[in-house]
Amino acid sequence: MHINHVVKIMVWSDFYIEGGLSVFAPIFAVFIIGQIQNGSLEVVGFAAAISQIFKVGLQIPIARYLDKNHGEFDDFYSMVIGSILISLSPFMYLFASTANHIYIIHAIFGIGLAFFVPPRLAIFARHLDKEQENLEWSLKSVALGVSVAGAAALGGILAQRFGFSLVFIIGGIVTTIGTIIELKIFKDLREKVPRGMVKPQPKIP
């Protein structure tokens, strides 16, 4: 079974990025309530909402801009910018002490997602091997599932034994590794991509 270089690299990158973010997911609400001034479940909810508001508000304009140029290099730079912003987020929690700090971090995280998600999915879809699309999307899904499960379990253990700071540091380092890994696809990028290269499949009744 041959899987092309771009797909393999992006699956591994997803594994680390999602793992880095998931390592502190189980303890995030506890961190907010226990370590943040006036922290509460409301703060947790508002923080999650803020990241999604920024992601939803910026994602389509960014995607439309990227689609104007039918090459992959602008997609790549957008993806890397998003990855860097996402990777910085775990480290920022080390310096957070108020609810406003949490809101700012989540705004930055949402902006990162807006730059990251559209081009990443586009590049991945363009480089899928013909007649292996289901398999390669499944590899991506499995990598994410394994990463999230393992990181979440590990994060809970580390937070219980060593505290929040170590968990955020590990999360930031692992996410940064995922960002570095994705740089390896640069040599595989296409200067021009024909319109209609990735076509939707007909619906099966």
C-alpha atoms as a PDB file:
ATOM      1  CA  MET A   1       0.000   0.000   0.000  1.00  0.00           C
ATOM      2  CA  HIS A   2       1.524   3.278  -1.161  1.00  0.00           C
ATOM      3  CA  ILE A   3       0.598   6.500   0.589  1.00  0.00           C
ATOM      4  CA  ASN A   4       2.056   9.693  -0.787  1.00  0.00           C
ATOM      5  CA  HIS A   5       4.405  11.902   1.174  1.00  0.00           C
ATOM      6  CA  VAL A   6       2.010  14.804   1.792  1.00  0.00           C
ATOM      7  CA  VAL A   7      -0.709  12.584   3.242  1.00  0.00           C
ATOM      8  CA  LYS A   8       1.727  10.775   5.552  1.00  0.00           C
ATOM      9  CA  ILE A   9       3.296  13.986   6.811  1.00  0.00           C
ATOM     10  CA  MET A  10      -0.040  15.662   7.442  1.00  0.00           C
ATOM     11  CA  VAL A  11      -1.392  12.637   9.293  1.00  0.00           C
ATOM     12  CA  TRP A  12       1.639  12.684  11.589  1.00  0.00           C
ATOM     13  CA  SER A  13       1.352  16.439  12.005  1.00  0.00           C
ATOM     14  CA  ASP A  14      -2.329  16.079  12.945  1.00  0.00           C
ATOM     15  CA  PHE A  15      -1.372  13.398  15.462  1.00  0.00           C
ATOM     16  CA  TYR A  16       0.966  15.752  17.318  1.00  0.00           C
ATOM     17  CA  ILE A  17      -1.079  18.946  17.035  1.00  0.00           C
ATOM     18  CA  GLU A  18      -4.282  17.297  18.222  1.00  0.00           C
ATOM     19  CA  GLY A  19      -2.393  15.421  20.924  1.00  0.00           C
ATOM     20  CA  GLY A  20      -0.790  18.615  22.195  1.00  0.00           C
ATOM     21  CA  LEU A  21      -4.158  20.322  22.455  1.00  0.00           C
ATOM     22  CA  SER A  22      -5.868  17.309  24.000  1.00  0.00           C
ATOM     23  CA  VAL A  23      -3.340  16.764  26.767  1.00  0.00           C
ATOM     24  CA  PHE A  24      -4.823  19.631  28.799  1.00  0.00           C
ATOM     25  CA  ALA A  25      -8.440  19.215  27.672  1.00  0.00           C
ATOM     26  CA  PRO A  26      -9.500  17.071  30.678  1.00  0.00           C
ATOM     27  CA  ILE A  27      -8.181  19.554  33.214  1.00  0.00           C
ATOM     28  CA  PHE A  28      -9.026  22.857  31.526  1.00  0.00           C
ATOM     29  CA  ALA A  29     -12.240  23.532  33.455  1.00  0.00           C
ATOM     30  CA  VAL A  30     -10.533  22.590  36.735  1.00  0.00           C
ATOM     31  CA  PHE A  31      -7.674  24.955  35.889  1.00  0.00           C
ATOM     32  CA  ILE A  32     -10.068  27.841  35.201  1.00  0.00           C
ATOM     33  CA  ILE A  33     -12.029  27.326  38.410  1.00  0.00           C
ATOM     34  CA  GLY A  34      -9.023  26.682  40.634  1.00  0.00           C
ATOM     35  CA  GLN A  35      -6.293  28.929  39.226  1.00  0.00           C
ATOM     36  CA  ILE A  36      -7.971  31.882  37.500  1.00  0.00           C
ATOM     37  CA  GLN A  37      -9.237  34.898  39.435  1.00  0.00           C
ATOM     38  CA  ASN A  38     -13.049  34.777  39.484  1.00  0.00           C
ATOM     39  CA  GLY A  39     -12.856  31.615  37.394  1.00  0.00           C
ATOM     40  CA  SER A  40     -16.096  29.725  36.925  1.00  0.00           C
ATOM     41  CA  LEU A  41     -17.893  27.400  34.569  1.00  0.00           C
ATOM     42  CA  GLU A  42     -19.287  30.507  32.898  1.00  0.00           C
ATOM     43  CA  VAL A  43     -15.738  31.581  32.055  1.00  0.00           C
ATOM     44  CA  VAL A  44     -15.087  28.135  30.571  1.00  0.00           C
ATOM     45  CA  GLY A  45     -18.195  28.424  28.421  1.00  0.00           C
ATOM     46  CA  PHE A  46     -17.486  31.972  27.268  1.00  0.00           C
ATOM     47  CA  ALA A  47     -13.900  31.053  26.419  1.00  0.00           C
ATOM     48  CA  ALA A  48     -15.059  28.180  24.214  1.00  0.00           C
ATOM     49  CA  ALA A  49     -17.592  30.470  22.551  1.00  0.00           C
ATOM     50  CA  ILE A  50     -15.003  33.171  21.871  1.00  0.00           C
ATOM     51  CA  SER A  51     -12.653  30.789  20.062  1.00  0.00           C
ATOM     52  CA  GLN A  52     -15.507  29.588  17.856  1.00  0.00           C
ATOM     53  CA  ILE A  53     -16.742  33.115  17.150  1.00  0.00           C
ATOM     54  CA  PHE A  54     -13.333  34.159  15.860  1.00  0.00           C
ATOM     55  CA  LYS A  55     -12.928  30.928  13.900  1.00  0.00           C
ATOM     56  CA  VAL A  56     -16.378  31.161  12.288  1.00  0.00           C
ATOM     57  CA  GLY A  57     -16.095  34.878  11.623  1.00  0.00           C
ATOM     58  CA  LEU A  58     -12.722  34.697   9.861  1.00  0.00           C
ATOM     59  CA  GLN A  59     -12.673  31.248   8.297  1.00  0.00           C
ATOM     60  CA  ILE A  60     -14.795  31.903   5.203  1.00  0.00           C
ATOM     61  CA  PRO A  61     -13.124  35.239   4.290  1.00  0.00           C
ATOM     62  CA  ILE A  62      -9.706  33.580   4.618  1.00  0.00           C
ATOM     63  CA  ALA A  63     -10.840  30.590   2.564  1.00  0.00           C
ATOM     64  CA  ARG A  64     -12.250  32.850  -0.169  1.00  0.00           C
ATOM     65  CA  TYR A  65      -8.998  34.791  -0.312  1.00  0.00           C
ATOM     66  CA  LEU A  66      -6.937  31.602  -0.576  1.00  0.00           C
ATOM     67  CA  ASP A  67      -9.158  30.282  -3.369  1.00  0.00           C
ATOM     68  CA  LYS A  68      -8.374  33.308  -5.546  1.00  0.00           C
ATOM     69  CA  ASN A  69      -4.880  31.947  -6.112  1.00  0.00           C
ATOM     70  CA  HIS A  70      -4.920  28.421  -7.484  1.00  0.00           C
ATOM     71  CA  GLY A  71      -1.557  27.479  -6.061  1.00  0.00           C
ATOM     72  CA  GLU A  72      -0.697  25.808  -2.785  1.00  0.00           C
ATOM     73  CA  PHE A  73       1.974  28.081  -1.397  1.00  0.00           C
ATOM     74  CA  ASP A  74      -0.463  30.655  -0.031  1.00  0.00           C
ATOM     75  CA  ASP A  75      -2.415  27.770   1.509  1.00  0.00           C
ATOM     76  CA  PHE A  76       0.789  26.528   3.092  1.00  0.00           C
ATOM     77  CA  TYR A  77       1.715  29.899   4.602  1.00  0.00           C
ATOM     78  CA  SER A  78      -1.797  30.360   5.985  1.00  0.00           C
ATOM     79  CA  MET A  79      -1.670  26.881   7.520  1.00  0.00           C
ATOM     80  CA  VAL A  80       1.711  27.565   9.145  1.00  0.00           C
ATOM     81  CA  ILE A  81       0.553  30.911  10.546  1.00  0.00           C
ATOM     82  CA  GLY A  82      -2.471  29.168  12.023  1.00  0.00           C
ATOM     83  CA  SER A  83      -0.328  26.362  13.433  1.00  0.00           C
ATOM     84  CA  ILE A  84       2.005  28.826  15.129  1.00  0.00           C
ATOM     85  CA  LEU A  85      -0.893  30.677  16.774  1.00  0.00           C
ATOM     86  CA  ILE A  86      -2.409  27.384  17.899  1.00  0.00           C
ATOM     87  CA  SER A  87       0.935  26.181  19.267  1.00  0.00           C
ATOM     88  CA  LEU A  88       1.422  29.364  21.274  1.00  0.00           C
ATOM     89  CA  SER A  89      -1.900  28.995  23.066  1.00  0.00           C
ATOM     90  CA  PRO A  90      -0.869  26.296  25.593  1.00  0.00           C
ATOM     91  CA  PHE A  91       2.194  28.324  26.624  1.00  0.00           C
ATOM     92  CA  MET A  92       0.031  31.420  27.161  1.00  0.00           C
ATOM     93  CA  TYR A  93      -1.945  29.655  29.876  1.00  0.00           C
ATOM     94  CA  LEU A  94       1.218  29.654  31.982  1.00  0.00           C
ATOM     95  CA  PHE A  95       0.881  33.428  32.354  1.00  0.00           C
ATOM     96  CA  ALA A  96      -2.916  33.667  32.644  1.00  0.00           C
ATOM     97  CA  SER A  97      -4.390  34.830  35.936  1.00  0.00           C
ATOM     98  CA  THR A  98      -7.708  36.484  35.043  1.00  0.00           C
ATOM     99  CA  ALA A  99     -10.737  35.653  32.941  1.00  0.00           C
ATOM    100  CA  ASN A 100      -9.764  38.358  30.440  1.00  0.00           C
ATOM    101  CA  HIS A 101      -6.443  36.600  29.871  1.00  0.00           C
ATOM    102  CA  ILE A 102      -8.326  33.400  29.073  1.00  0.00           C
ATOM    103  CA  TYR A 103     -10.607  35.229  26.651  1.00  0.00           C
ATOM    104  CA  ILE A 104      -7.635  36.764  24.831  1.00  0.00           C
ATOM    105  CA  ILE A 105      -5.926  33.386  24.557  1.00  0.00           C
ATOM    106  CA  HIS A 106      -9.065  31.839  23.115  1.00  0.00           C
ATOM    107  CA  ALA A 107      -9.451  34.688  20.644  1.00  0.00           C
ATOM    108  CA  ILE A 108      -5.902  34.048  19.426  1.00  0.00           C
ATOM    109  CA  PHE A 109      -6.623  30.322  19.285  1.00  0.00           C
ATOM    110  CA  GLY A 110      -9.771  30.953  17.220  1.00  0.00           C
ATOM    111  CA  ILE A 111      -7.847  33.163  14.802  1.00  0.00           C
ATOM    112  CA  GLY A 112      -5.273  30.401  14.495  1.00  0.00           C
ATOM    113  CA  LEU A 113      -7.974  27.873  13.647  1.00  0.00           C
ATOM    114  CA  ALA A 114      -9.380  30.191  10.978  1.00  0.00           C
ATOM    115  CA  PHE A 115      -6.001  30.368   9.239  1.00  0.00           C
ATOM    116  CA  PHE A 116      -5.262  26.680   9.835  1.00  0.00           C
ATOM    117  CA  VAL A 117      -8.359  24.645   8.979  1.00  0.00           C
ATOM    118  CA  PRO A 118      -9.357  25.649   5.403  1.00  0.00           C
ATOM    119  CA  PRO A 119      -5.932  25.338   3.748  1.00  0.00           C
ATOM    120  CA  ARG A 120      -5.050  22.195   5.659  1.00  0.00           C
ATOM    121  CA  LEU A 121      -8.149  20.373   4.479  1.00  0.00           C
ATOM    122  CA  ALA A 122      -7.654  21.693   0.943  1.00  0.00           C
ATOM    123  CA  ILE A 123      -4.031  20.541   0.693  1.00  0.00           C
ATOM    124  CA  PHE A 124      -4.854  17.160   2.179  1.00  0.00           C
ATOM    125  CA  ALA A 125      -7.766  16.633  -0.227  1.00  0.00           C
ATOM    126  CA  ARG A 126      -5.722  17.576  -3.288  1.00  0.00           C
ATOM    127  CA  HIS A 127      -2.977  15.079  -2.481  1.00  0.00           C
ATOM    128  CA  LEU A 128      -5.134  12.062  -1.710  1.00  0.00           C
ATOM    129  CA  ASP A 129      -4.130   9.021  -3.756  1.00  0.00           C
ATOM    130  CA  LYS A 130      -6.678   8.053  -6.353  1.00  0.00           C
ATOM    131  CA  GLU A 131      -8.880   5.134  -5.269  1.00  0.00           C
ATOM    132  CA  GLN A 132      -7.495   5.358  -1.722  1.00  0.00           C
ATOM    133  CA  GLU A 133      -9.502   8.365  -0.577  1.00  0.00           C
ATOM    134  CA  ASN A 134     -11.524   6.477   2.020  1.00  0.00           C
ATOM    135  CA  LEU A 135      -8.438   4.803   3.424  1.00  0.00           C
ATOM    136  CA  GLU A 136      -6.439   8.000   3.712  1.00  0.00           C
ATOM    137  CA  TRP A 137      -9.246  10.011   5.285  1.00  0.00           C
ATOM    138  CA  SER A 138      -9.618   7.085   7.694  1.00  0.00           C
ATOM    139  CA  LEU A 139      -5.918   7.211   8.540  1.00  0.00           C
ATOM    140  CA  LYS A 140      -6.338  10.875   9.429  1.00  0.00           C
ATOM    141  CA  SER A 141      -9.381  10.077  11.575  1.00  0.00           C
ATOM    142  CA  VAL A 142      -7.686   7.156  13.335  1.00  0.00           C
ATOM    143  CA  ALA A 143      -4.565   9.228  14.040  1.00  0.00           C
ATOM    144  CA  LEU A 144      -6.710  11.928  15.612  1.00  0.00           C
ATOM    145  CA  GLY A 145      -8.688   9.423  17.654  1.00  0.00           C
ATOM    146  CA  VAL A 146      -5.623   7.647  19.025  1.00  0.00           C
ATOM    147  CA  SER A 147      -3.882  10.935  19.751  1.00  0.00           C
ATOM    148  CA  VAL A 148      -6.854  12.463  21.568  1.00  0.00           C
ATOM    149  CA  ALA A 149      -7.498   9.371  23.656  1.00  0.00           C
ATOM    150  CA  GLY A 150      -3.885   8.890  24.695  1.00  0.00           C
ATOM    151  CA  ALA A 151      -3.206  12.569  25.358  1.00  0.00           C
ATOM    152  CA  ALA A 152      -6.367  13.078  27.395  1.00  0.00           C
ATOM    153  CA  ALA A 153      -5.542  10.148  29.658  1.00  0.00           C
ATOM    154  CA  LEU A 154      -1.937  11.270  30.045  1.00  0.00           C
ATOM    155  CA  GLY A 155      -2.950  14.870  30.733  1.00  0.00           C
ATOM    156  CA  GLY A 156      -5.177  13.885  33.612  1.00  0.00           C
ATOM    157  CA  ILE A 157      -2.433  11.794  35.188  1.00  0.00           C
ATOM    158  CA  LEU A 158       0.229  14.491  34.800  1.00  0.00           C
ATOM    159  CA  ALA A 159      -2.006  17.250  36.161  1.00  0.00           C
ATOM    160  CA  GLN A 160      -2.881  15.143  39.209  1.00  0.00           C
ATOM    161  CA  ARG A 161       0.737  14.346  39.995  1.00  0.00           C
ATOM    162  CA  PHE A 162       2.709  17.381  38.819  1.00  0.00           C
ATOM    163  CA  GLY A 163       0.283  20.280  38.398  1.00  0.00           C
ATOM    164  CA  PHE A 164      -1.074  22.372  35.553  1.00  0.00           C
ATOM    165  CA  SER A 165       2.107  24.093  34.388  1.00  0.00           C
ATOM    166  CA  LEU A 166       3.827  20.903  33.259  1.00  0.00           C
ATOM    167  CA  VAL A 167       0.727  19.861  31.299  1.00  0.00           C
ATOM    168  CA  PHE A 168       0.607  23.182  29.429  1.00  0.00           C
ATOM    169  CA  ILE A 169       4.323  23.041  28.683  1.00  0.00           C
ATOM    170  CA  ILE A 170       4.040  19.521  27.313  1.00  0.00           C
ATOM    171  CA  GLY A 171       0.960  20.505  25.315  1.00  0.00           C
ATOM    172  CA  GLY A 172       2.783  23.448  23.776  1.00  0.00           C
ATOM    173  CA  ILE A 173       5.887  21.418  22.961  1.00  0.00           C
ATOM    174  CA  VAL A 174       3.941  18.573  21.350  1.00  0.00           C
ATOM    175  CA  THR A 175       1.818  20.989  19.318  1.00  0.00           C
ATOM    176  CA  THR A 176       4.961  22.797  18.166  1.00  0.00           C
ATOM    177  CA  ILE A 177       6.421  19.461  17.021  1.00  0.00           C
ATOM    178  CA  GLY A 178       3.308  18.998  14.876  1.00  0.00           C
ATOM    179  CA  THR A 179       3.851  22.444  13.370  1.00  0.00           C
ATOM    180  CA  ILE A 180       7.489  21.654  12.565  1.00  0.00           C
ATOM    181  CA  ILE A 181       6.539  18.332  10.965  1.00  0.00           C
ATOM    182  CA  GLU A 182       4.106  19.989   8.557  1.00  0.00           C
ATOM    183  CA  LEU A 183       6.941  22.107   7.130  1.00  0.00           C
ATOM    184  CA  LYS A 184       8.201  18.951   5.404  1.00  0.00           C
ATOM    185  CA  ILE A 185       5.456  19.136   2.761  1.00  0.00           C
ATOM    186  CA  PHE A 186       6.835  22.376   1.280  1.00  0.00           C
ATOM    187  CA  LYS A 187       8.782  20.587  -1.460  1.00  0.00           C
ATOM    188  CA  ASP A 188       5.630  18.736  -2.557  1.00  0.00           C
ATOM    189  CA  LEU A 189       3.478  21.832  -3.051  1.00  0.00           C
ATOM    190  CA  ARG A 190       2.130  22.815  -6.447  1.00  0.00           C
ATOM    191  CA  GLU A 191       2.581  26.271  -7.905  1.00  0.00           C
ATOM    192  CA  LYS A 192      -0.699  25.963  -9.786  1.00  0.00           C
ATOM    193  CA  VAL A 193      -3.665  23.690  -9.126  1.00  0.00           C
ATOM    194  CA  PRO A 194      -6.261  23.292 -11.899  1.00  0.00           C
ATOM    195  CA  ARG A 195      -9.818  24.243 -11.067  1.00  0.00           C
ATOM    196  CA  GLY A 196     -12.058  21.291 -10.347  1.00  0.00           C
ATOM    197  CA  MET A 197      -9.156  19.046  -9.356  1.00  0.00           C
ATOM    198  CA  VAL A 198     -11.035  17.844  -6.297  1.00  0.00           C
ATOM    199  CA  LYS A 199     -14.582  17.126  -7.406  1.00  0.00           C
ATOM    200  CA  PRO A 200     -17.499  16.165  -5.178  1.00  0.00           C
ATOM    201  CA  GLN A 201     -18.663  12.605  -5.655  1.00  0.00           C
ATOM    202  CA  PRO A 202     -22.233  12.007  -6.862  1.00  0.00           C
ATOM    203  CA  LYS A 203     -24.764  11.128  -4.209  1.00  0.00           C
ATOM    204  CA  ILE A 204     -25.690   7.478  -4.019  1.00  0.00           C
ATOM    205  CA  PRO A 205     -29.464   7.014  -3.634  1.00  0.00           C
END
